[in-house]
Amino acid sequence: MADIVKVFIIAGIALIISGLCLHLSGKIPGIGRLPGDILMKKESFTLYIPITTCFLISMALSLSFLLWNRN
């Protein structure tokens, strides 16, 4: 039971961090409007799916965790 609680806590923290990164990505130059990001605008509807941005953030986090765990 305690293992499931730890997984939920870690997943929640990861979601909060990724949400903050996506929220702030419009304020960081070069992040958020990369080639590969999907932007569809209609009359009263806008859909934005930052595929490339999420991939780069994922790679940066994976690299940082890999380097952190080597010590």
N, C-alpha and C. Protein backbone atom coordinates (compact mmCIF):
# COMPACT_ATOMS: atom_id res chain seq x y z
N MET A 1 0.82 -1.20 0.00
CA MET A 1 0.00 0.00 0.00
C MET A 1 0.86 1.26 0.00
N ALA A 2 1.95 1.23 0.75
CA ALA A 2 2.82 2.40 0.83
C ALA A 2 3.50 2.68 -0.50
N ASP A 3 3.76 1.62 -1.29
CA ASP A 3 4.39 1.82 -2.60
C ASP A 3 3.46 2.56 -3.55
N ILE A 4 2.18 2.25 -3.49
CA ILE A 4 1.21 2.92 -4.35
C ILE A 4 1.11 4.40 -3.99
N VAL A 5 1.15 4.69 -2.71
CA VAL A 5 1.08 6.08 -2.25
C VAL A 5 2.29 6.85 -2.77
N LYS A 6 3.46 6.25 -2.71
CA LYS A 6 4.67 6.91 -3.22
C LYS A 6 4.57 7.17 -4.72
N VAL A 7 4.03 6.22 -5.46
CA VAL A 7 3.86 6.39 -6.91
C VAL A 7 2.92 7.54 -7.20
N PHE A 8 1.81 7.62 -6.47
CA PHE A 8 0.86 8.72 -6.68
C PHE A 8 1.46 10.07 -6.31
N ILE A 9 2.24 10.12 -5.27
CA ILE A 9 2.88 11.38 -4.88
C ILE A 9 3.88 11.82 -5.94
N ILE A 10 4.71 10.89 -6.41
CA ILE A 10 5.69 11.22 -7.44
C ILE A 10 5.00 11.63 -8.74
N ALA A 11 3.94 10.91 -9.12
CA ALA A 11 3.20 11.25 -10.34
C ALA A 11 2.56 12.63 -10.21
N GLY A 12 2.02 12.95 -9.05
CA GLY A 12 1.42 14.27 -8.82
C GLY A 12 2.45 15.38 -8.92
N ILE A 13 3.61 15.16 -8.33
CA ILE A 13 4.67 16.17 -8.39
C ILE A 13 5.14 16.34 -9.84
N ALA A 14 5.25 15.23 -10.58
CA ALA A 14 5.67 15.31 -11.98
C ALA A 14 4.64 16.07 -12.81
N LEU A 15 3.36 15.84 -12.55
CA LEU A 15 2.32 16.57 -13.28
C LEU A 15 2.33 18.06 -12.96
N ILE A 16 2.56 18.39 -11.71
CA ILE A 16 2.62 19.81 -11.33
C ILE A 16 3.81 20.48 -12.00
N ILE A 17 4.97 19.83 -11.99
CA ILE A 17 6.16 20.41 -12.60
C ILE A 17 5.98 20.55 -14.11
N SER A 18 5.42 19.52 -14.75
CA SER A 18 5.23 19.62 -16.20
C SER A 18 4.18 20.68 -16.54
N GLY A 19 3.16 20.82 -15.71
CA GLY A 19 2.17 21.88 -15.93
C GLY A 19 2.78 23.26 -15.80
N LEU A 20 3.62 23.44 -14.81
CA LEU A 20 4.31 24.73 -14.64
C LEU A 20 5.24 25.01 -15.82
N CYS A 21 5.94 23.98 -16.28
CA CYS A 21 6.83 24.16 -17.43
C CYS A 21 6.04 24.56 -18.67
N LEU A 22 4.91 23.92 -18.89
CA LEU A 22 4.09 24.28 -20.05
C LEU A 22 3.50 25.67 -19.90
N HIS A 23 3.13 26.05 -18.69
CA HIS A 23 2.58 27.39 -18.46
C HIS A 23 3.64 28.46 -18.71
N LEU A 24 4.86 28.19 -18.27
CA LEU A 24 5.94 29.16 -18.43
C LEU A 24 6.60 29.10 -19.80
N SER A 25 6.29 28.08 -20.59
CA SER A 25 6.98 27.92 -21.87
C SER A 25 6.70 29.07 -22.83
N GLY A 26 5.58 29.74 -22.69
CA GLY A 26 5.30 30.89 -23.54
C GLY A 26 6.15 32.09 -23.19
N LYS A 27 6.72 32.09 -22.00
CA LYS A 27 7.52 33.22 -21.55
C LYS A 27 9.02 33.01 -21.77
N ILE A 28 9.41 31.77 -22.10
CA ILE A 28 10.81 31.47 -22.38
C ILE A 28 11.01 31.52 -23.88
N PRO A 29 11.91 32.37 -24.38
CA PRO A 29 12.07 32.47 -25.83
C PRO A 29 12.54 31.16 -26.45
N GLY A 30 11.94 30.79 -27.58
CA GLY A 30 12.32 29.58 -28.29
C GLY A 30 11.62 28.32 -27.84
N ILE A 31 10.94 28.36 -26.71
CA ILE A 31 10.23 27.18 -26.20
C ILE A 31 8.74 27.41 -26.41
N GLY A 32 8.07 26.42 -26.92
CA GLY A 32 6.62 26.50 -27.05
C GLY A 32 6.12 26.70 -28.46
N ARG A 33 6.94 27.14 -29.35
CA ARG A 33 6.54 27.31 -30.76
C ARG A 33 7.58 26.66 -31.66
N LEU A 34 7.98 25.44 -31.34
CA LEU A 34 9.00 24.74 -32.09
C LEU A 34 8.38 24.01 -33.28
N PRO A 35 9.18 23.72 -34.30
CA PRO A 35 8.66 22.89 -35.40
C PRO A 35 8.27 21.52 -34.85
N GLY A 36 7.12 21.05 -35.20
CA GLY A 36 6.61 19.79 -34.68
C GLY A 36 5.50 19.99 -33.66
N ASP A 37 5.40 21.18 -33.10
CA ASP A 37 4.29 21.51 -32.21
C ASP A 37 3.05 21.75 -33.08
N ILE A 38 1.92 21.25 -32.64
CA ILE A 38 0.70 21.33 -33.43
C ILE A 38 -0.14 22.50 -32.93
N LEU A 39 -0.54 23.38 -33.83
CA LEU A 39 -1.40 24.52 -33.50
C LEU A 39 -2.53 24.57 -34.53
N MET A 40 -3.75 24.43 -34.04
CA MET A 40 -4.92 24.49 -34.91
C MET A 40 -5.84 25.59 -34.38
N LYS A 41 -6.15 26.56 -35.24
CA LYS A 41 -7.04 27.65 -34.85
C LYS A 41 -8.30 27.60 -35.70
N LYS A 42 -9.43 27.67 -35.04
CA LYS A 42 -10.73 27.77 -35.70
C LYS A 42 -11.35 29.09 -35.25
N GLU A 43 -12.59 29.31 -35.55
CA GLU A 43 -13.24 30.58 -35.21
C GLU A 43 -13.21 30.86 -33.71
N SER A 44 -13.69 29.93 -32.91
CA SER A 44 -13.73 30.15 -31.46
C SER A 44 -13.02 29.04 -30.71
N PHE A 45 -12.08 28.39 -31.36
CA PHE A 45 -11.42 27.24 -30.76
C PHE A 45 -9.96 27.23 -31.16
N THR A 46 -9.09 27.00 -30.19
CA THR A 46 -7.66 26.88 -30.45
C THR A 46 -7.16 25.61 -29.78
N LEU A 47 -6.46 24.78 -30.53
CA LEU A 47 -5.87 23.56 -30.01
C LEU A 47 -4.37 23.64 -30.20
N TYR A 48 -3.65 23.50 -29.10
CA TYR A 48 -2.19 23.55 -29.15
C TYR A 48 -1.65 22.31 -28.47
N ILE A 49 -0.88 21.50 -29.21
CA ILE A 49 -0.27 20.29 -28.67
C ILE A 49 1.25 20.42 -28.85
N PRO A 50 1.97 20.69 -27.77
CA PRO A 50 3.42 20.93 -27.86
C PRO A 50 4.23 19.63 -27.86
N ILE A 51 4.17 18.87 -28.94
CA ILE A 51 4.85 17.57 -28.99
C ILE A 51 6.37 17.73 -28.89
N THR A 52 6.95 18.58 -29.72
CA THR A 52 8.40 18.75 -29.73
C THR A 52 8.89 19.39 -28.43
N THR A 53 8.15 20.33 -27.91
CA THR A 53 8.52 20.97 -26.65
C THR A 53 8.52 19.95 -25.52
N CYS A 54 7.50 19.12 -25.45
CA CYS A 54 7.44 18.08 -24.41
C CYS A 54 8.58 17.09 -24.56
N PHE A 55 8.92 16.75 -25.80
CA PHE A 55 10.02 15.83 -26.04
C PHE A 55 11.34 16.42 -25.54
N LEU A 56 11.59 17.69 -25.83
CA LEU A 56 12.83 18.32 -25.37
C LEU A 56 12.89 18.44 -23.85
N ILE A 57 11.77 18.77 -23.24
CA ILE A 57 11.73 18.86 -21.78
C ILE A 57 11.96 17.49 -21.17
N SER A 58 11.36 16.46 -21.76
CA SER A 58 11.54 15.09 -21.29
C SER A 58 13.00 14.66 -21.39
N MET A 59 13.63 14.98 -22.51
CA MET A 59 15.04 14.62 -22.68
C MET A 59 15.93 15.35 -21.67
N ALA A 60 15.65 16.62 -21.43
CA ALA A 60 16.44 17.39 -20.46
C ALA A 60 16.27 16.84 -19.05
N LEU A 61 15.03 16.51 -18.68
CA LEU A 61 14.80 15.94 -17.36
C LEU A 61 15.43 14.56 -17.21
N SER A 62 15.33 13.75 -18.24
CA SER A 62 15.94 12.41 -18.20
C SER A 62 17.45 12.51 -18.05
N LEU A 63 18.06 13.41 -18.79
CA LEU A 63 19.50 13.59 -18.68
C LEU A 63 19.91 14.10 -17.31
N SER A 64 19.14 15.04 -16.77
CA SER A 64 19.49 15.57 -15.45
C SER A 64 19.31 14.51 -14.36
N PHE A 65 18.26 13.68 -14.45
CA PHE A 65 18.07 12.61 -13.46
C PHE A 65 19.15 11.54 -13.62
N LEU A 66 19.56 11.25 -14.85
CA LEU A 66 20.62 10.27 -15.08
C LEU A 66 21.92 10.76 -14.45
N LEU A 67 22.25 12.02 -14.66
CA LEU A 67 23.48 12.57 -14.08
C LEU A 67 23.39 12.67 -12.56
N TRP A 68 22.20 12.95 -12.04
CA TRP A 68 22.02 13.07 -10.60
C TRP A 68 22.18 11.71 -9.92
N ASN A 69 21.68 10.66 -10.55
CA ASN A 69 21.73 9.33 -9.94
C ASN A 69 23.08 8.67 -10.07
N ARG A 70 23.98 9.18 -10.87
CA ARG A 70 25.31 8.60 -11.00
C ARG A 70 26.19 8.88 -9.78
N ASN A 71 25.89 9.92 -9.06
CA ASN A 71 26.72 10.28 -7.90
C ASN A 71 26.41 9.38 -6.80
